[in-house]
Amino acid sequence: MKELRCKDVGFDCPGIVTGETEADVLQLAAQHAQEVHNVTITPEIAEQIKPLIHEA
């Protein structure tokens, strides 16, 4: 299982997105970013976020 903590991306948010794969986490993180933070994750931003995804 992989995870991404919203605070690791720089938001003051307790959110944690988990998924089976890096792609799953990125998709769910993009949804979270749009719904909660009103931020659209571009392919460039996704590349910057990938190194922050780690094993849960």
PDB file of N, CA and C in Angstrom:
ATOM      1  N   MET A   1       0.848  -1.178   0.000  1.00  0.00           N
ATOM      2  CA  MET A   1       0.000   0.000   0.000  1.00  0.00           C
ATOM      3  C   MET A   1       0.894   1.242   0.000  1.00  0.00           C
ATOM      4  N   LYS A   2       0.539   2.208  -0.814  1.00  0.00           N
ATOM      5  CA  LYS A   2       1.287   3.463  -0.911  1.00  0.00           C
ATOM      6  C   LYS A   2       0.450   4.578  -0.307  1.00  0.00           C
ATOM      7  N   GLU A   3       1.141   5.632   0.170  1.00  0.00           N
ATOM      8  CA  GLU A   3       0.394   6.751   0.732  1.00  0.00           C
ATOM      9  C   GLU A   3       1.090   8.080   0.469  1.00  0.00           C
ATOM     10  N   LEU A   4       0.292   9.121   0.544  1.00  0.00           N
ATOM     11  CA  LEU A   4       0.774  10.484   0.404  1.00  0.00           C
ATOM     12  C   LEU A   4       0.058  11.314   1.464  1.00  0.00           C
ATOM     13  N   ARG A   5       0.839  12.011   2.261  1.00  0.00           N
ATOM     14  CA  ARG A   5       0.280  12.888   3.289  1.00  0.00           C
ATOM     15  C   ARG A   5       0.173  14.292   2.720  1.00  0.00           C
ATOM     16  N   CYS A   6      -0.986  14.879   2.862  1.00  0.00           N
ATOM     17  CA  CYS A   6      -1.232  16.207   2.321  1.00  0.00           C
ATOM     18  C   CYS A   6      -0.230  17.222   2.888  1.00  0.00           C
ATOM     19  N   LYS A   7       0.094  17.087   4.157  1.00  0.00           N
ATOM     20  CA  LYS A   7       1.034  18.033   4.767  1.00  0.00           C
ATOM     21  C   LYS A   7       2.414  17.942   4.138  1.00  0.00           C
ATOM     22  N   ASP A   8       2.784  16.767   3.585  1.00  0.00           N
ATOM     23  CA  ASP A   8       4.084  16.620   2.929  1.00  0.00           C
ATOM     24  C   ASP A   8       4.160  17.413   1.624  1.00  0.00           C
ATOM     25  N   VAL A   9       2.992  17.704   1.056  1.00  0.00           N
ATOM     26  CA  VAL A   9       2.927  18.477  -0.178  1.00  0.00           C
ATOM     27  C   VAL A   9       2.939  19.981   0.139  1.00  0.00           C
ATOM     28  N   GLY A  10       2.694  20.323   1.407  1.00  0.00           N
ATOM     29  CA  GLY A  10       2.764  21.724   1.803  1.00  0.00           C
ATOM     30  C   GLY A  10       1.461  22.320   2.281  1.00  0.00           C
ATOM     31  N   PHE A  11       0.414  21.518   2.350  1.00  0.00           N
ATOM     32  CA  PHE A  11      -0.869  22.008   2.834  1.00  0.00           C
ATOM     33  C   PHE A  11      -0.986  21.803   4.339  1.00  0.00           C
ATOM     34  N   ASP A  12      -1.683  22.696   4.995  1.00  0.00           N
ATOM     35  CA  ASP A  12      -1.989  22.543   6.416  1.00  0.00           C
ATOM     36  C   ASP A  12      -3.258  21.702   6.497  1.00  0.00           C
ATOM     37  N   CYS A  13      -3.084  20.405   6.276  1.00  0.00           N
ATOM     38  CA  CYS A  13      -4.217  19.494   6.129  1.00  0.00           C
ATOM     39  C   CYS A  13      -3.806  18.118   6.665  1.00  0.00           C
ATOM     40  N   PRO A  14      -4.675  17.489   7.453  1.00  0.00           N
ATOM     41  CA  PRO A  14      -4.345  16.165   7.996  1.00  0.00           C
ATOM     42  C   PRO A  14      -4.619  15.020   7.022  1.00  0.00           C
ATOM     43  N   GLY A  15      -5.032  15.326   5.800  1.00  0.00           N
ATOM     44  CA  GLY A  15      -5.428  14.297   4.841  1.00  0.00           C
ATOM     45  C   GLY A  15      -4.297  13.356   4.473  1.00  0.00           C
ATOM     46  N   ILE A  16      -4.659  12.079   4.338  1.00  0.00           N
ATOM     47  CA  ILE A  16      -3.731  11.043   3.891  1.00  0.00           C
ATOM     48  C   ILE A  16      -4.441  10.268   2.788  1.00  0.00           C
ATOM     49  N   VAL A  17      -3.809  10.186   1.634  1.00  0.00           N
ATOM     50  CA  VAL A  17      -4.370   9.454   0.501  1.00  0.00           C
ATOM     51  C   VAL A  17      -3.601   8.150   0.368  1.00  0.00           C
ATOM     52  N   THR A  18      -4.325   7.039   0.264  1.00  0.00           N
ATOM     53  CA  THR A  18      -3.682   5.738   0.122  1.00  0.00           C
ATOM     54  C   THR A  18      -4.203   5.029  -1.121  1.00  0.00           C
ATOM     55  N   GLY A  19      -3.377   4.152  -1.662  1.00  0.00           N
ATOM     56  CA  GLY A  19      -3.768   3.366  -2.821  1.00  0.00           C
ATOM     57  C   GLY A  19      -2.806   2.215  -3.024  1.00  0.00           C
ATOM     58  N   GLU A  20      -3.196   1.311  -3.888  1.00  0.00           N
ATOM     59  CA  GLU A  20      -2.365   0.139  -4.175  1.00  0.00           C
ATOM     60  C   GLU A  20      -1.117   0.514  -4.965  1.00  0.00           C
ATOM     61  N   THR A  21      -1.260   1.491  -5.860  1.00  0.00           N
ATOM     62  CA  THR A  21      -0.149   1.880  -6.725  1.00  0.00           C
ATOM     63  C   THR A  21       0.081   3.384  -6.642  1.00  0.00           C
ATOM     64  N   GLU A  22       1.212   3.819  -7.160  1.00  0.00           N
ATOM     65  CA  GLU A  22       1.518   5.250  -7.228  1.00  0.00           C
ATOM     66  C   GLU A  22       0.459   5.972  -8.060  1.00  0.00           C
ATOM     67  N   ALA A  23       0.026   5.353  -9.146  1.00  0.00           N
ATOM     68  CA  ALA A  23      -0.993   5.953 -10.013  1.00  0.00           C
ATOM     69  C   ALA A  23      -2.307   6.131  -9.254  1.00  0.00           C
ATOM     70  N   ASP A  24      -2.693   5.136  -8.443  1.00  0.00           N
ATOM     71  CA  ASP A  24      -3.909   5.249  -7.627  1.00  0.00           C
ATOM     72  C   ASP A  24      -3.805   6.433  -6.681  1.00  0.00           C
ATOM     73  N   VAL A  25      -2.667   6.560  -6.026  1.00  0.00           N
ATOM     74  CA  VAL A  25      -2.468   7.643  -5.064  1.00  0.00           C
ATOM     75  C   VAL A  25      -2.528   8.989  -5.772  1.00  0.00           C
ATOM     76  N   LEU A  26      -1.886   9.104  -6.921  1.00  0.00           N
ATOM     77  CA  LEU A  26      -1.910  10.360  -7.657  1.00  0.00           C
ATOM     78  C   LEU A  26      -3.321  10.743  -8.084  1.00  0.00           C
ATOM     79  N   GLN A  27      -4.092   9.769  -8.523  1.00  0.00           N
ATOM     80  CA  GLN A  27      -5.470  10.044  -8.940  1.00  0.00           C
ATOM     81  C   GLN A  27      -6.304  10.520  -7.752  1.00  0.00           C
ATOM     82  N   LEU A  28      -6.203   9.827  -6.632  1.00  0.00           N
ATOM     83  CA  LEU A  28      -6.965  10.217  -5.449  1.00  0.00           C
ATOM     84  C   LEU A  28      -6.474  11.542  -4.874  1.00  0.00           C
ATOM     85  N   ALA A  29      -5.171  11.778  -4.944  1.00  0.00           N
ATOM     86  CA  ALA A  29      -4.619  13.045  -4.461  1.00  0.00           C
ATOM     87  C   ALA A  29      -5.117  14.206  -5.321  1.00  0.00           C
ATOM     88  N   ALA A  30      -5.221  13.989  -6.617  1.00  0.00           N
ATOM     89  CA  ALA A  30      -5.729  15.030  -7.509  1.00  0.00           C
ATOM     90  C   ALA A  30      -7.183  15.353  -7.179  1.00  0.00           C
ATOM     91  N   GLN A  31      -7.979  14.323  -6.894  1.00  0.00           N
ATOM     92  CA  GLN A  31      -9.373  14.546  -6.506  1.00  0.00           C
ATOM     93  C   GLN A  31      -9.444  15.312  -5.194  1.00  0.00           C
ATOM     94  N   HIS A  32      -8.645  14.913  -4.218  1.00  0.00           N
ATOM     95  CA  HIS A  32      -8.612  15.580  -2.917  1.00  0.00           C
ATOM     96  C   HIS A  32      -8.187  17.039  -3.083  1.00  0.00           C
ATOM     97  N   ALA A  33      -7.138  17.271  -3.853  1.00  0.00           N
ATOM     98  CA  ALA A  33      -6.632  18.634  -4.052  1.00  0.00           C
ATOM     99  C   ALA A  33      -7.706  19.524  -4.669  1.00  0.00           C
ATOM    100  N   GLN A  34      -8.436  18.996  -5.635  1.00  0.00           N
ATOM    101  CA  GLN A  34      -9.483  19.782  -6.294  1.00  0.00           C
ATOM    102  C   GLN A  34     -10.649  20.049  -5.347  1.00  0.00           C
ATOM    103  N   GLU A  35     -11.119  19.021  -4.666  1.00  0.00           N
ATOM    104  CA  GLU A  35     -12.309  19.147  -3.816  1.00  0.00           C
ATOM    105  C   GLU A  35     -12.052  19.928  -2.538  1.00  0.00           C
ATOM    106  N   VAL A  36     -10.911  19.708  -1.911  1.00  0.00           N
ATOM    107  CA  VAL A  36     -10.643  20.300  -0.603  1.00  0.00           C
ATOM    108  C   VAL A  36      -9.852  21.603  -0.699  1.00  0.00           C
ATOM    109  N   HIS A  37      -8.903  21.648  -1.620  1.00  0.00           N
ATOM    110  CA  HIS A  37      -7.994  22.794  -1.684  1.00  0.00           C
ATOM    111  C   HIS A  37      -8.210  23.674  -2.920  1.00  0.00           C
ATOM    112  N   ASN A  38      -9.142  23.269  -3.790  1.00  0.00           N
ATOM    113  CA  ASN A  38      -9.429  23.997  -5.031  1.00  0.00           C
ATOM    114  C   ASN A  38      -8.157  24.180  -5.877  1.00  0.00           C
ATOM    115  N   VAL A  39      -7.354  23.115  -5.933  1.00  0.00           N
ATOM    116  CA  VAL A  39      -6.099  23.112  -6.693  1.00  0.00           C
ATOM    117  C   VAL A  39      -6.173  22.010  -7.739  1.00  0.00           C
ATOM    118  N   THR A  40      -5.829  22.351  -8.967  1.00  0.00           N
ATOM    119  CA  THR A  40      -5.781  21.365 -10.042  1.00  0.00           C
ATOM    120  C   THR A  40      -4.356  20.840 -10.163  1.00  0.00           C
ATOM    121  N   ILE A  41      -4.226  19.524 -10.145  1.00  0.00           N
ATOM    122  CA  ILE A  41      -2.909  18.891 -10.258  1.00  0.00           C
ATOM    123  C   ILE A  41      -2.592  18.695 -11.735  1.00  0.00           C
ATOM    124  N   THR A  42      -1.595  19.414 -12.200  1.00  0.00           N
ATOM    125  CA  THR A  42      -1.131  19.290 -13.583  1.00  0.00           C
ATOM    126  C   THR A  42      -0.122  18.147 -13.665  1.00  0.00           C
ATOM    127  N   PRO A  43       0.200  17.700 -14.869  1.00  0.00           N
ATOM    128  CA  PRO A  43       1.232  16.656 -14.991  1.00  0.00           C
ATOM    129  C   PRO A  43       2.568  17.082 -14.376  1.00  0.00           C
ATOM    130  N   GLU A  44       2.899  18.362 -14.470  1.00  0.00           N
ATOM    131  CA  GLU A  44       4.145  18.858 -13.887  1.00  0.00           C
ATOM    132  C   GLU A  44       4.116  18.762 -12.366  1.00  0.00           C
ATOM    133  N   ILE A  45       3.002  19.124 -11.779  1.00  0.00           N
ATOM    134  CA  ILE A  45       2.862  19.027 -10.319  1.00  0.00           C
ATOM    135  C   ILE A  45       2.889  17.564  -9.890  1.00  0.00           C
ATOM    136  N   ALA A  46       2.243  16.706 -10.657  1.00  0.00           N
ATOM    137  CA  ALA A  46       2.235  15.276 -10.335  1.00  0.00           C
ATOM    138  C   ALA A  46       3.654  14.729 -10.284  1.00  0.00           C
ATOM    139  N   GLU A  47       4.512  15.175 -11.202  1.00  0.00           N
ATOM    140  CA  GLU A  47       5.903  14.722 -11.202  1.00  0.00           C
ATOM    141  C   GLU A  47       6.630  15.177  -9.940  1.00  0.00           C
ATOM    142  N   GLN A  48       6.291  16.348  -9.429  1.00  0.00           N
ATOM    143  CA  GLN A  48       6.911  16.857  -8.205  1.00  0.00           C
ATOM    144  C   GLN A  48       6.399  16.118  -6.969  1.00  0.00           C
ATOM    145  N   ILE A  49       5.172  15.633  -7.044  1.00  0.00           N
ATOM    146  CA  ILE A  49       4.553  14.933  -5.924  1.00  0.00           C
ATOM    147  C   ILE A  49       5.027  13.480  -5.821  1.00  0.00           C
ATOM    148  N   LYS A  50       5.319  12.850  -6.953  1.00  0.00           N
ATOM    149  CA  LYS A  50       5.686  11.421  -6.961  1.00  0.00           C
ATOM    150  C   LYS A  50       6.743  11.044  -5.933  1.00  0.00           C
ATOM    151  N   PRO A  51       7.805  11.816  -5.771  1.00  0.00           N
ATOM    152  CA  PRO A  51       8.824  11.415  -4.781  1.00  0.00           C
ATOM    153  C   PRO A  51       8.320  11.445  -3.332  1.00  0.00           C
ATOM    154  N   LEU A  52       7.184  12.089  -3.093  1.00  0.00           N
ATOM    155  CA  LEU A  52       6.646  12.197  -1.736  1.00  0.00           C
ATOM    156  C   LEU A  52       5.763  10.996  -1.378  1.00  0.00           C
ATOM    157  N   ILE A  53       5.445  10.171  -2.366  1.00  0.00           N
ATOM    158  CA  ILE A  53       4.632   8.970  -2.130  1.00  0.00           C
ATOM    159  C   ILE A  53       5.539   7.892  -1.559  1.00  0.00           C
ATOM    160  N   HIS A  54       5.066   7.263  -0.482  1.00  0.00           N
ATOM    161  CA  HIS A  54       5.893   6.234   0.168  1.00  0.00           C
ATOM    162  C   HIS A  54       5.027   5.053   0.588  1.00  0.00           C
ATOM    163  N   GLU A  55       5.691   4.002   1.025  1.00  0.00           N
ATOM    164  CA  GLU A  55       4.981   2.809   1.514  1.00  0.00           C
ATOM    165  C   GLU A  55       4.268   3.147   2.816  1.00  0.00           C
ATOM    166  N   ALA A  56       3.037   2.689   2.925  1.00  0.00           N
ATOM    167  CA  ALA A  56       2.239   2.935   4.136  1.00  0.00           C
ATOM    168  C   ALA A  56       2.687   2.027   5.260  1.00  0.00           C
TER     169      ALA A  56
END
